[in-house]
Amino acid sequence: MRNLRGLAVVVTSVGLLSGFALGASTTHRAAAQSAQRETLVHNGLTRSYVVRLPREAAQRNRRLPLVLMLHGGGGNAGNAETMSGFTEKGRKEGFIVVYPEGTSRLKDRLLTWNAGHCCGYAMQNRVDDVGFMNALIDRLIADYPVDANRIYVTGMSNGGMMSHRLGIELSNRVAAIAPVVATLFGDEKRPEHPVSALMINGLLDTSVPHQGGPPGGRASGAWDGTPTMPAAEQGAFWARANGCTSAPVTVDRGSYVRSQYRCPAGRSVESVLVEDSGHAWPGGQAGRRRADTPSAALSATDVIWEFFKAHTR
């Protein structure tokens, strides 16, 4: 077993951030702008998000699942869309995909999420991202044929950490979460309601050590100094929250290891460790130039959607 690396985390220095995190290229920004881009004012901040609808959305008598896909630190909506391929998946499977965007001192570049102990601008300024996402869900339910019982959150790195936070603090609204290359910090409160969770990490990822502790490399400036928990604690945390068994059943598929906890009916907790994957979205595209090459061992987007569609709040 090698090392897990966790997040597309952001450094507070702009120079380091643009060189390390999932920076937003012109192509990614253009992709987001060509989509159905909307804004929402929350706590005095104008927040943006991109909506992608399947053909079924025109049939207003049918409510559709909603997947909220959160970009990594330094990324944006276009980056998240290109990297994950969730838009095409939503069109094929008939669900709505929304790509919300974080905040930055640079307006629409180097965006981050306030996941508590990370990352960058959003963390430092204590941006109310939970409140924003709660308000966004309200807006989406009002504007689109969203099934309020089938709302899901996934995200890469800093967006994956934010997925954890939303699963905890919006457990009354979110049916399931799927953080990718993310982590926990050990001081998270147990959610008030059950939320199924699937975690995907890469064994070659070195930004967040598999055994826990401080983040490595140029990412360290994005944090508040709180060490990360071991990667396995993500599954253990959600197993406790969902009343599952304390030890998972683990199956080695060769290129990845999948661990599943035994949970009460209607709840699931799983984790996937991909052996040849670093800091990347398995089966997707690299988030930036010189980024880790995504593993071809599995498609994170396919695995996540199969997990999501099996769960209703």
C-alpha atoms as a PDB file:
ATOM      1  CA  MET A   1       0.000   0.000   0.000  1.00  0.00           C
ATOM      2  CA  ARG A   2       1.335   3.359  -0.946  1.00  0.00           C
ATOM      3  CA  ASN A   3       0.265   6.838   0.046  1.00  0.00           C
ATOM      4  CA  LEU A   4      -3.099   8.516  -0.352  1.00  0.00           C
ATOM      5  CA  ARG A   5      -2.991  12.065  -1.411  1.00  0.00           C
ATOM      6  CA  GLY A   6      -6.232  14.019  -0.737  1.00  0.00           C
ATOM      7  CA  LEU A   7      -7.255  17.372  -2.152  1.00  0.00           C
ATOM      8  CA  ALA A   8      -6.690  19.867  -4.873  1.00  0.00           C
ATOM      9  CA  VAL A   9      -5.946  22.164  -2.008  1.00  0.00           C
ATOM     10  CA  VAL A  10      -5.111  25.777  -2.347  1.00  0.00           C
ATOM     11  CA  VAL A  11      -2.298  27.901  -1.087  1.00  0.00           C
ATOM     12  CA  THR A  12      -2.923  31.397   0.123  1.00  0.00           C
ATOM     13  CA  SER A  13      -0.189  32.741  -2.124  1.00  0.00           C
ATOM     14  CA  VAL A  14      -1.600  33.382  -5.594  1.00  0.00           C
ATOM     15  CA  GLY A  15       1.592  32.246  -7.264  1.00  0.00           C
ATOM     16  CA  LEU A  16       1.639  28.910  -5.498  1.00  0.00           C
ATOM     17  CA  LEU A  17      -2.079  28.455  -5.959  1.00  0.00           C
ATOM     18  CA  SER A  18      -2.027  28.867  -9.717  1.00  0.00           C
ATOM     19  CA  GLY A  19       0.911  26.498  -9.936  1.00  0.00           C
ATOM     20  CA  PHE A  20      -0.512  23.730  -7.768  1.00  0.00           C
ATOM     21  CA  ALA A  21      -4.285  23.605  -7.478  1.00  0.00           C
ATOM     22  CA  LEU A  22      -6.889  22.813 -10.064  1.00  0.00           C
ATOM     23  CA  GLY A  23      -6.540  26.146 -11.796  1.00  0.00           C
ATOM     24  CA  ALA A  24      -9.290  27.320 -14.156  1.00  0.00           C
ATOM     25  CA  SER A  25      -8.047  27.427 -17.733  1.00  0.00           C
ATOM     26  CA  THR A  26      -9.574  29.646 -20.398  1.00  0.00           C
ATOM     27  CA  THR A  27     -11.202  26.559 -21.896  1.00  0.00           C
ATOM     28  CA  HIS A  28     -12.770  25.605 -18.581  1.00  0.00           C
ATOM     29  CA  ARG A  29     -14.053  29.143 -18.018  1.00  0.00           C
ATOM     30  CA  ALA A  30     -15.478  29.297 -21.545  1.00  0.00           C
ATOM     31  CA  ALA A  31     -17.243  25.984 -20.988  1.00  0.00           C
ATOM     32  CA  ALA A  32     -18.887  27.329 -17.859  1.00  0.00           C
ATOM     33  CA  GLN A  33     -19.902  30.571 -19.541  1.00  0.00           C
ATOM     34  CA  SER A  34     -21.520  28.728 -22.436  1.00  0.00           C
ATOM     35  CA  ALA A  35     -23.704  26.803 -20.013  1.00  0.00           C
ATOM     36  CA  GLN A  36     -26.824  28.017 -18.259  1.00  0.00           C
ATOM     37  CA  ARG A  37     -24.964  30.251 -15.816  1.00  0.00           C
ATOM     38  CA  GLU A  38     -26.871  31.833 -12.948  1.00  0.00           C
ATOM     39  CA  THR A  39     -26.187  33.868  -9.820  1.00  0.00           C
ATOM     40  CA  LEU A  40     -27.525  33.999  -6.285  1.00  0.00           C
ATOM     41  CA  VAL A  41     -26.828  36.689  -3.686  1.00  0.00           C
ATOM     42  CA  HIS A  42     -26.110  35.232  -0.253  1.00  0.00           C
ATOM     43  CA  ASN A  43     -24.737  37.170   2.717  1.00  0.00           C
ATOM     44  CA  GLY A  44     -23.970  40.092   0.442  1.00  0.00           C
ATOM     45  CA  LEU A  45     -21.911  37.984  -1.971  1.00  0.00           C
ATOM     46  CA  THR A  46     -22.970  37.282  -5.534  1.00  0.00           C
ATOM     47  CA  ARG A  47     -22.431  33.564  -5.985  1.00  0.00           C
ATOM     48  CA  SER A  48     -22.433  31.776  -9.322  1.00  0.00           C
ATOM     49  CA  TYR A  49     -23.387  28.317 -10.502  1.00  0.00           C
ATOM     50  CA  VAL A  50     -23.860  26.448 -13.762  1.00  0.00           C
ATOM     51  CA  VAL A  51     -26.916  24.299 -14.453  1.00  0.00           C
ATOM     52  CA  ARG A  52     -26.930  21.360 -16.862  1.00  0.00           C
ATOM     53  CA  LEU A  53     -30.294  19.785 -17.664  1.00  0.00           C
ATOM     54  CA  PRO A  54     -31.182  16.479 -19.326  1.00  0.00           C
ATOM     55  CA  ARG A  55     -33.958  16.369 -21.919  1.00  0.00           C
ATOM     56  CA  GLU A  56     -36.335  15.012 -19.273  1.00  0.00           C
ATOM     57  CA  ALA A  57     -36.252  18.375 -17.501  1.00  0.00           C
ATOM     58  CA  ALA A  58     -38.738  19.712 -20.046  1.00  0.00           C
ATOM     59  CA  GLN A  59     -41.308  17.301 -18.627  1.00  0.00           C
ATOM     60  CA  ARG A  60     -42.278  19.370 -15.589  1.00  0.00           C
ATOM     61  CA  ASN A  61     -44.519  16.635 -14.223  1.00  0.00           C
ATOM     62  CA  ARG A  62     -41.467  14.487 -13.526  1.00  0.00           C
ATOM     63  CA  ARG A  63     -39.099  15.313 -10.678  1.00  0.00           C
ATOM     64  CA  LEU A  64     -35.436  14.539 -11.319  1.00  0.00           C
ATOM     65  CA  PRO A  65     -32.419  13.747  -9.127  1.00  0.00           C
ATOM     66  CA  LEU A  66     -29.958  16.588  -8.517  1.00  0.00           C
ATOM     67  CA  VAL A  67     -26.182  16.144  -8.334  1.00  0.00           C
ATOM     68  CA  LEU A  68     -24.171  19.060  -6.937  1.00  0.00           C
ATOM     69  CA  MET A  69     -20.593  18.769  -8.233  1.00  0.00           C
ATOM     70  CA  LEU A  70     -18.049  20.899  -6.326  1.00  0.00           C
ATOM     71  CA  HIS A  71     -14.770  21.923  -7.952  1.00  0.00           C
ATOM     72  CA  GLY A  72     -11.411  21.530  -6.240  1.00  0.00           C
ATOM     73  CA  GLY A  73      -9.452  24.360  -4.655  1.00  0.00           C
ATOM     74  CA  GLY A  74      -8.468  26.862  -7.329  1.00  0.00           C
ATOM     75  CA  GLY A  75     -10.952  25.434  -9.820  1.00  0.00           C
ATOM     76  CA  ASN A  76     -14.343  26.541 -11.098  1.00  0.00           C
ATOM     77  CA  ALA A  77     -17.527  25.194 -12.654  1.00  0.00           C
ATOM     78  CA  GLY A  78     -16.012  24.620 -16.086  1.00  0.00           C
ATOM     79  CA  ASN A  79     -13.040  22.829 -14.575  1.00  0.00           C
ATOM     80  CA  ALA A  80     -15.285  20.516 -12.544  1.00  0.00           C
ATOM     81  CA  GLU A  81     -17.467  19.769 -15.552  1.00  0.00           C
ATOM     82  CA  THR A  82     -14.568  18.955 -17.877  1.00  0.00           C
ATOM     83  CA  MET A  83     -12.701  16.924 -15.276  1.00  0.00           C
ATOM     84  CA  SER A  84     -15.609  14.755 -14.101  1.00  0.00           C
ATOM     85  CA  GLY A  85     -17.759  14.316 -17.200  1.00  0.00           C
ATOM     86  CA  PHE A  86     -20.867  14.528 -15.019  1.00  0.00           C
ATOM     87  CA  THR A  87     -22.816  16.573 -17.577  1.00  0.00           C
ATOM     88  CA  GLU A  88     -22.778  13.777 -20.143  1.00  0.00           C
ATOM     89  CA  LYS A  89     -23.616  11.251 -17.443  1.00  0.00           C
ATOM     90  CA  GLY A  90     -26.611  13.334 -16.397  1.00  0.00           C
ATOM     91  CA  ARG A  91     -27.857  13.580 -19.954  1.00  0.00           C
ATOM     92  CA  LYS A  92     -27.655   9.833 -20.419  1.00  0.00           C
ATOM     93  CA  GLU A  93     -29.158   8.918 -17.043  1.00  0.00           C
ATOM     94  CA  GLY A  94     -31.719  11.724 -16.737  1.00  0.00           C
ATOM     95  CA  PHE A  95     -30.561  13.805 -13.768  1.00  0.00           C
ATOM     96  CA  ILE A  96     -29.751  17.483 -13.241  1.00  0.00           C
ATOM     97  CA  VAL A  97     -26.138  18.487 -12.611  1.00  0.00           C
ATOM     98  CA  VAL A  98     -25.246  21.800 -10.991  1.00  0.00           C
ATOM     99  CA  TYR A  99     -21.712  23.149 -10.655  1.00  0.00           C
ATOM    100  CA  PRO A 100     -21.597  25.762  -7.876  1.00  0.00           C
ATOM    101  CA  GLU A 101     -18.544  27.976  -7.490  1.00  0.00           C
ATOM    102  CA  GLY A 102     -16.561  28.970  -4.423  1.00  0.00           C
ATOM    103  CA  THR A 103     -15.137  32.401  -3.617  1.00  0.00           C
ATOM    104  CA  SER A 104     -11.841  34.227  -4.040  1.00  0.00           C
ATOM    105  CA  ARG A 105     -10.253  37.620  -3.544  1.00  0.00           C
ATOM    106  CA  LEU A 106      -9.693  37.512  -7.315  1.00  0.00           C
ATOM    107  CA  LYS A 107     -13.435  37.407  -8.061  1.00  0.00           C
ATOM    108  CA  ASP A 108     -13.739  34.475 -10.474  1.00  0.00           C
ATOM    109  CA  ARG A 109     -10.280  32.861 -10.283  1.00  0.00           C
ATOM    110  CA  LEU A 110      -8.634  30.558  -7.743  1.00  0.00           C
ATOM    111  CA  LEU A 111     -11.937  29.790  -6.051  1.00  0.00           C
ATOM    112  CA  THR A 112     -12.090  27.833  -2.792  1.00  0.00           C
ATOM    113  CA  TRP A 113     -14.624  26.383  -0.337  1.00  0.00           C
ATOM    114  CA  ASN A 114     -14.786  26.904   3.414  1.00  0.00           C
ATOM    115  CA  ALA A 115     -14.603  23.305   4.568  1.00  0.00           C
ATOM    116  CA  GLY A 116     -13.718  24.330   8.124  1.00  0.00           C
ATOM    117  CA  HIS A 117      -9.955  23.812   8.245  1.00  0.00           C
ATOM    118  CA  CYS A 118      -9.339  24.377   4.534  1.00  0.00           C
ATOM    119  CA  CYS A 119      -9.031  26.115   2.129  1.00  0.00           C
ATOM    120  CA  GLY A 120      -7.496  29.493   1.308  1.00  0.00           C
ATOM    121  CA  TYR A 121      -9.691  32.574   0.943  1.00  0.00           C
ATOM    122  CA  ALA A 122     -13.009  30.929   1.822  1.00  0.00           C
ATOM    123  CA  MET A 123     -11.587  29.426   5.024  1.00  0.00           C
ATOM    124  CA  GLN A 124      -9.725  32.573   6.053  1.00  0.00           C
ATOM    125  CA  ASN A 125     -12.807  34.752   5.573  1.00  0.00           C
ATOM    126  CA  ARG A 126     -15.213  32.217   7.081  1.00  0.00           C
ATOM    127  CA  VAL A 127     -17.421  32.327   4.013  1.00  0.00           C
ATOM    128  CA  ASP A 128     -20.839  30.811   4.731  1.00  0.00           C
ATOM    129  CA  ASP A 129     -20.706  28.133   2.061  1.00  0.00           C
ATOM    130  CA  VAL A 130     -23.146  25.902   3.949  1.00  0.00           C
ATOM    131  CA  GLY A 131     -25.695  28.717   3.970  1.00  0.00           C
ATOM    132  CA  PHE A 132     -25.045  29.408   0.291  1.00  0.00           C
ATOM    133  CA  MET A 133     -25.568  25.772  -0.650  1.00  0.00           C
ATOM    134  CA  ASN A 134     -28.733  25.581   1.439  1.00  0.00           C
ATOM    135  CA  ALA A 135     -30.102  28.667  -0.325  1.00  0.00           C
ATOM    136  CA  LEU A 136     -28.999  27.275  -3.679  1.00  0.00           C
ATOM    137  CA  ILE A 137     -30.930  24.064  -3.087  1.00  0.00           C
ATOM    138  CA  ASP A 138     -34.028  26.148  -2.337  1.00  0.00           C
ATOM    139  CA  ARG A 139     -33.522  28.109  -5.561  1.00  0.00           C
ATOM    140  CA  LEU A 140     -32.989  24.989  -7.660  1.00  0.00           C
ATOM    141  CA  ILE A 141     -36.116  23.311  -6.285  1.00  0.00           C
ATOM    142  CA  ALA A 142     -38.103  26.448  -7.113  1.00  0.00           C
ATOM    143  CA  ASP A 143     -36.658  26.884 -10.620  1.00  0.00           C
ATOM    144  CA  TYR A 144     -36.223  23.321 -11.844  1.00  0.00           C
ATOM    145  CA  PRO A 145     -37.996  19.942 -11.515  1.00  0.00           C
ATOM    146  CA  VAL A 146     -35.767  18.763  -8.657  1.00  0.00           C
ATOM    147  CA  ASP A 147     -36.779  15.781  -6.548  1.00  0.00           C
ATOM    148  CA  ALA A 148     -36.127  17.065  -3.011  1.00  0.00           C
ATOM    149  CA  ASN A 149     -35.620  13.490  -1.785  1.00  0.00           C
ATOM    150  CA  ARG A 150     -32.839  12.775  -4.283  1.00  0.00           C
ATOM    151  CA  ILE A 151     -30.246  15.498  -3.729  1.00  0.00           C
ATOM    152  CA  TYR A 152     -26.609  14.374  -3.861  1.00  0.00           C
ATOM    153  CA  VAL A 153     -23.254  16.092  -3.332  1.00  0.00           C
ATOM    154  CA  THR A 154     -19.866  15.138  -4.721  1.00  0.00           C
ATOM    155  CA  GLY A 155     -16.642  17.029  -5.173  1.00  0.00           C
ATOM    156  CA  MET A 156     -12.919  16.896  -5.785  1.00  0.00           C
ATOM    157  CA  SER A 157     -10.364  17.630  -3.077  1.00  0.00           C
ATOM    158  CA  ASN A 158     -11.398  20.889  -1.341  1.00  0.00           C
ATOM    159  CA  GLY A 159     -14.795  20.265  -2.957  1.00  0.00           C
ATOM    160  CA  GLY A 160     -14.732  16.766  -1.497  1.00  0.00           C
ATOM    161  CA  MET A 161     -14.095  18.184   1.973  1.00  0.00           C
ATOM    162  CA  MET A 162     -17.019  20.537   1.408  1.00  0.00           C
ATOM    163  CA  SER A 163     -19.112  17.505   0.436  1.00  0.00           C
ATOM    164  CA  HIS A 164     -18.377  16.033   3.854  1.00  0.00           C
ATOM    165  CA  ARG A 165     -19.391  19.281   5.535  1.00  0.00           C
ATOM    166  CA  LEU A 166     -22.640  19.534   3.584  1.00  0.00           C
ATOM    167  CA  GLY A 167     -23.497  15.926   4.365  1.00  0.00           C
ATOM    168  CA  ILE A 168     -23.069  16.736   8.045  1.00  0.00           C
ATOM    169  CA  GLU A 169     -24.706  20.152   8.258  1.00  0.00           C
ATOM    170  CA  LEU A 170     -27.420  19.633   5.632  1.00  0.00           C
ATOM    171  CA  SER A 171     -28.222  16.027   6.528  1.00  0.00           C
ATOM    172  CA  ASN A 172     -31.912  16.921   6.461  1.00  0.00           C
ATOM    173  CA  ARG A 173     -31.635  17.658   2.731  1.00  0.00           C
ATOM    174  CA  VAL A 174     -28.842  15.518   1.295  1.00  0.00           C
ATOM    175  CA  ALA A 175     -29.474  11.847   0.527  1.00  0.00           C
ATOM    176  CA  ALA A 176     -25.861  10.835  -0.154  1.00  0.00           C
ATOM    177  CA  ILE A 177     -22.372  12.265  -0.615  1.00  0.00           C
ATOM    178  CA  ALA A 178     -19.292  11.109  -2.545  1.00  0.00           C
ATOM    179  CA  PRO A 179     -16.064  12.973  -1.709  1.00  0.00           C
ATOM    180  CA  VAL A 180     -13.162  12.264  -4.075  1.00  0.00           C
ATOM    181  CA  VAL A 181      -9.538  12.603  -2.857  1.00  0.00           C
ATOM    182  CA  ALA A 182     -10.744  14.329   0.314  1.00  0.00           C
ATOM    183  CA  THR A 183     -10.312  13.938   4.062  1.00  0.00           C
ATOM    184  CA  LEU A 184     -11.709  14.614   7.537  1.00  0.00           C
ATOM    185  CA  PHE A 185     -10.058  16.434  10.448  1.00  0.00           C
ATOM    186  CA  GLY A 186     -11.443  14.602  13.471  1.00  0.00           C
ATOM    187  CA  ASP A 187     -13.587  17.319  15.058  1.00  0.00           C
ATOM    188  CA  GLU A 188     -16.644  16.877  12.835  1.00  0.00           C
ATOM    189  CA  LYS A 189     -19.995  16.584  14.594  1.00  0.00           C
ATOM    190  CA  ARG A 190     -22.234  13.635  13.876  1.00  0.00           C
ATOM    191  CA  PRO A 191     -25.029  14.560  11.419  1.00  0.00           C
ATOM    192  CA  GLU A 192     -28.560  14.701  12.793  1.00  0.00           C
ATOM    193  CA  HIS A 193     -29.906  12.436  10.027  1.00  0.00           C
ATOM    194  CA  PRO A 194     -28.478   9.425   8.168  1.00  0.00           C
ATOM    195  CA  VAL A 195     -26.564  10.240   4.972  1.00  0.00           C
ATOM    196  CA  SER A 196     -25.074   7.501   2.812  1.00  0.00           C
ATOM    197  CA  ALA A 197     -21.445   8.099   1.870  1.00  0.00           C
ATOM    198  CA  LEU A 198     -18.967   6.845  -0.725  1.00  0.00           C
ATOM    199  CA  MET A 199     -15.315   7.922  -0.570  1.00  0.00           C
ATOM    200  CA  ILE A 200     -12.787   7.548  -3.402  1.00  0.00           C
ATOM    201  CA  ASN A 201      -9.070   8.122  -2.847  1.00  0.00           C
ATOM    202  CA  GLY A 202      -5.853   7.412  -4.716  1.00  0.00           C
ATOM    203  CA  LEU A 203      -2.981   5.519  -3.145  1.00  0.00           C
ATOM    204  CA  LEU A 204      -0.403   7.638  -5.008  1.00  0.00           C
ATOM    205  CA  ASP A 205      -1.833  10.909  -3.711  1.00  0.00           C
ATOM    206  CA  THR A 206       0.718  12.631  -1.446  1.00  0.00           C
ATOM    207  CA  SER A 207      -0.868  16.005  -0.598  1.00  0.00           C
ATOM    208  CA  VAL A 208      -2.726  14.426   2.312  1.00  0.00           C
ATOM    209  CA  PRO A 209      -0.784  11.488   3.787  1.00  0.00           C
ATOM    210  CA  HIS A 210      -2.691   8.211   3.924  1.00  0.00           C
ATOM    211  CA  GLN A 211      -1.730   7.824   7.571  1.00  0.00           C
ATOM    212  CA  GLY A 212      -2.980  11.323   8.439  1.00  0.00           C
ATOM    213  CA  GLY A 213      -1.062  14.322   9.717  1.00  0.00           C
ATOM    214  CA  PRO A 214      -0.177  17.605   8.019  1.00  0.00           C
ATOM    215  CA  PRO A 215      -0.653  17.959   4.256  1.00  0.00           C
ATOM    216  CA  GLY A 216       2.442  17.628   2.120  1.00  0.00           C
ATOM    217  CA  GLY A 217       4.061  19.638  -0.654  1.00  0.00           C
ATOM    218  CA  ARG A 218       2.985  23.116  -1.661  1.00  0.00           C
ATOM    219  CA  ALA A 219      -0.535  22.625  -0.294  1.00  0.00           C
ATOM    220  CA  SER A 220       0.347  23.285   3.340  1.00  0.00           C
ATOM    221  CA  GLY A 221      -0.366  27.025   3.188  1.00  0.00           C
ATOM    222  CA  ALA A 222      -4.012  26.399   2.355  1.00  0.00           C
ATOM    223  CA  TRP A 223      -4.802  24.941   5.773  1.00  0.00           C
ATOM    224  CA  ASP A 224      -5.207  26.334   9.273  1.00  0.00           C
ATOM    225  CA  GLY A 225      -2.690  23.879  10.700  1.00  0.00           C
ATOM    226  CA  THR A 226      -5.140  21.170  11.797  1.00  0.00           C
ATOM    227  CA  PRO A 227      -3.717  17.763  10.818  1.00  0.00           C
ATOM    228  CA  THR A 228      -5.823  15.448   8.716  1.00  0.00           C
ATOM    229  CA  MET A 229      -7.184  12.135   9.904  1.00  0.00           C
ATOM    230  CA  PRO A 230      -6.109   8.867   8.268  1.00  0.00           C
ATOM    231  CA  ALA A 231      -8.002   8.265   5.029  1.00  0.00           C
ATOM    232  CA  ALA A 232      -9.806   5.260   6.490  1.00  0.00           C
ATOM    233  CA  GLU A 233     -11.442   7.474   9.128  1.00  0.00           C
ATOM    234  CA  GLN A 234     -13.810   8.846   6.490  1.00  0.00           C
ATOM    235  CA  GLY A 235     -15.549   5.489   6.231  1.00  0.00           C
ATOM    236  CA  ALA A 236     -15.411   4.926   9.984  1.00  0.00           C
ATOM    237  CA  PHE A 237     -16.976   8.334  10.652  1.00  0.00           C
ATOM    238  CA  TRP A 238     -19.909   7.785   8.310  1.00  0.00           C
ATOM    239  CA  ALA A 239     -20.344   4.197   9.506  1.00  0.00           C
ATOM    240  CA  ARG A 240     -20.826   5.504  13.056  1.00  0.00           C
ATOM    241  CA  ALA A 241     -23.167   8.221  11.809  1.00  0.00           C
ATOM    242  CA  ASN A 242     -25.321   5.683   9.963  1.00  0.00           C
ATOM    243  CA  GLY A 243     -25.384   2.976  12.639  1.00  0.00           C
ATOM    244  CA  CYS A 244     -23.275   0.565  10.574  1.00  0.00           C
ATOM    245  CA  THR A 245     -20.833  -2.087  11.727  1.00  0.00           C
ATOM    246  CA  SER A 246     -17.452  -0.850  12.925  1.00  0.00           C
ATOM    247  CA  ALA A 247     -15.421  -2.945  10.475  1.00  0.00           C
ATOM    248  CA  PRO A 248     -15.986  -3.056   6.707  1.00  0.00           C
ATOM    249  CA  VAL A 249     -15.927  -6.021   4.372  1.00  0.00           C
ATOM    250  CA  THR A 250     -13.020  -5.397   2.017  1.00  0.00           C
ATOM    251  CA  VAL A 251     -12.629  -6.778  -1.504  1.00  0.00           C
ATOM    252  CA  ASP A 252      -9.368  -6.392  -3.434  1.00  0.00           C
ATOM    253  CA  ARG A 253     -10.129  -5.942  -7.124  1.00  0.00           C
ATOM    254  CA  GLY A 254      -6.465  -5.818  -8.083  1.00  0.00           C
ATOM    255  CA  SER A 255      -6.322  -2.227  -9.298  1.00  0.00           C
ATOM    256  CA  TYR A 256      -8.426  -0.933  -6.415  1.00  0.00           C
ATOM    257  CA  VAL A 257      -9.763  -2.005  -3.025  1.00  0.00           C
ATOM    258  CA  ARG A 258     -13.425  -1.520  -2.172  1.00  0.00           C
ATOM    259  CA  SER A 259     -14.605  -1.580   1.444  1.00  0.00           C
ATOM    260  CA  GLN A 260     -18.284  -1.797   2.404  1.00  0.00           C
ATOM    261  CA  TYR A 261     -19.806  -1.476   5.864  1.00  0.00           C
ATOM    262  CA  ARG A 262     -22.888  -3.424   6.890  1.00  0.00           C
ATOM    263  CA  CYS A 263     -25.548  -0.784   7.493  1.00  0.00           C
ATOM    264  CA  PRO A 264     -29.271  -0.600   8.323  1.00  0.00           C
ATOM    265  CA  ALA A 265     -31.635  -0.805   5.368  1.00  0.00           C
ATOM    266  CA  GLY A 266     -31.553   2.265   3.173  1.00  0.00           C
ATOM    267  CA  ARG A 267     -28.088   3.382   4.299  1.00  0.00           C
ATOM    268  CA  SER A 268     -24.679   2.618   2.786  1.00  0.00           C
ATOM    269  CA  VAL A 269     -21.078   3.513   3.540  1.00  0.00           C
ATOM    270  CA  GLU A 270     -18.304   2.506   1.135  1.00  0.00           C
ATOM    271  CA  SER A 271     -14.747   3.513   0.350  1.00  0.00           C
ATOM    272  CA  VAL A 272     -12.607   2.888  -2.707  1.00  0.00           C
ATOM    273  CA  LEU A 273      -8.795   3.123  -2.773  1.00  0.00           C
ATOM    274  CA  VAL A 274      -7.399   3.192  -6.305  1.00  0.00           C
ATOM    275  CA  GLU A 275      -3.868   1.818  -6.432  1.00  0.00           C
ATOM    276  CA  ASP A 276      -2.464   3.705  -9.430  1.00  0.00           C
ATOM    277  CA  SER A 277      -4.290   6.991  -8.833  1.00  0.00           C
ATOM    278  CA  GLY A 278      -2.769  10.166  -7.475  1.00  0.00           C
ATOM    279  CA  HIS A 279      -4.436  13.509  -7.008  1.00  0.00           C
ATOM    280  CA  ALA A 280      -6.941  13.123  -9.818  1.00  0.00           C
ATOM    281  CA  TRP A 281     -10.505  12.167 -10.700  1.00  0.00           C
ATOM    282  CA  PRO A 282     -10.311   8.464 -11.685  1.00  0.00           C
ATOM    283  CA  GLY A 283     -11.606   7.877 -15.196  1.00  0.00           C
ATOM    284  CA  GLY A 284     -11.855  11.622 -15.858  1.00  0.00           C
ATOM    285  CA  GLN A 285      -9.559  14.286 -17.242  1.00  0.00           C
ATOM    286  CA  ALA A 286      -6.635  16.003 -15.554  1.00  0.00           C
ATOM    287  CA  GLY A 287      -7.664  19.220 -13.814  1.00  0.00           C
ATOM    288  CA  ARG A 288      -4.757  21.255 -15.171  1.00  0.00           C
ATOM    289  CA  ARG A 289      -1.506  20.980 -17.073  1.00  0.00           C
ATOM    290  CA  ARG A 290       1.121  18.933 -15.252  1.00  0.00           C
ATOM    291  CA  ALA A 291      -1.541  17.493 -12.965  1.00  0.00           C
ATOM    292  CA  ASP A 292      -1.557  13.823 -12.026  1.00  0.00           C
ATOM    293  CA  THR A 293      -2.835  11.557 -14.779  1.00  0.00           C
ATOM    294  CA  PRO A 294      -6.227  10.104 -13.819  1.00  0.00           C
ATOM    295  CA  SER A 295      -6.330   6.360 -13.300  1.00  0.00           C
ATOM    296  CA  ALA A 296      -8.151   4.221 -15.848  1.00  0.00           C
ATOM    297  CA  ALA A 297      -8.887   1.526 -13.251  1.00  0.00           C
ATOM    298  CA  LEU A 298     -12.462   2.782 -12.840  1.00  0.00           C
ATOM    299  CA  SER A 299     -14.695   5.708 -13.633  1.00  0.00           C
ATOM    300  CA  ALA A 300     -15.358   7.676 -10.449  1.00  0.00           C
ATOM    301  CA  THR A 301     -18.354   9.329 -12.132  1.00  0.00           C
ATOM    302  CA  ASP A 302     -19.940   5.975 -13.029  1.00  0.00           C
ATOM    303  CA  VAL A 303     -19.282   4.510  -9.580  1.00  0.00           C
ATOM    304  CA  ILE A 304     -20.658   7.602  -7.850  1.00  0.00           C
ATOM    305  CA  TRP A 305     -23.851   7.714  -9.895  1.00  0.00           C
ATOM    306  CA  GLU A 306     -24.537   4.016  -9.318  1.00  0.00           C
ATOM    307  CA  PHE A 307     -24.160   4.696  -5.593  1.00  0.00           C
ATOM    308  CA  PHE A 308     -26.314   7.825  -5.658  1.00  0.00           C
ATOM    309  CA  LYS A 309     -29.224   6.385  -7.593  1.00  0.00           C
ATOM    310  CA  ALA A 310     -29.600   3.590  -5.056  1.00  0.00           C
ATOM    311  CA  HIS A 311     -30.362   6.062  -2.250  1.00  0.00           C
ATOM    312  CA  THR A 312     -33.311   8.312  -1.510  1.00  0.00           C
ATOM    313  CA  ARG A 313     -33.662  10.520   1.533  1.00  0.00           C
END
